[in-house]
Amino acid sequence: MSRLSGRGAGNRSVAWSYGDLYVRPELARRDRELMCLGVLTALGDTGAQLEVHVNGALNAGLTPSEIVEALLQAVVYCGVPRAVNATLVAKKVFAERNLLPVRPTPAG
C-alpha cells in the first residue's frame, strides 16, 4: 500500500492511465474515449475530467454529433441530471472549438 501513497502516486497513476492503458491494441482510442465519456457521466461531478475527455474524443475522431448521441444514451442509465451536466460540459468544449451548432451526422 505504501507504493500507492506519497508524492509519486499521482505521477504513477497518470502514467499508467494515459500511457500504458491508452496504447493497448484491444480498443481503438476513439472507443476508449467514448467509454470514458460514459463512465464519467455516470459518476457525476466530473466536469473537469469530462472536459479533458470530450476534447480527447474529438481529437480521436469522434464527431460532436456522436458525442451528443452518447450522452443522450446516458440519460437512460445515469439519469437526466448527470447526462445534462455532461452535455453542458460538451457544449462548452464545442463552443471553444467553434463546433456549434452541432449537426446530426448523415446516415449512411
Foldseek 3Di string as FASTA:
>chain_A
DVVCDDDCNVVVVCCCVVPVVQPDPPDQQLVVLLVVLLVDLQVAPNLVVLLVSLVSNVVSPDALQNSLVSLVVSCVVRNDVSSVSSVVSNVVSCVVVVNPPPDHDDDD
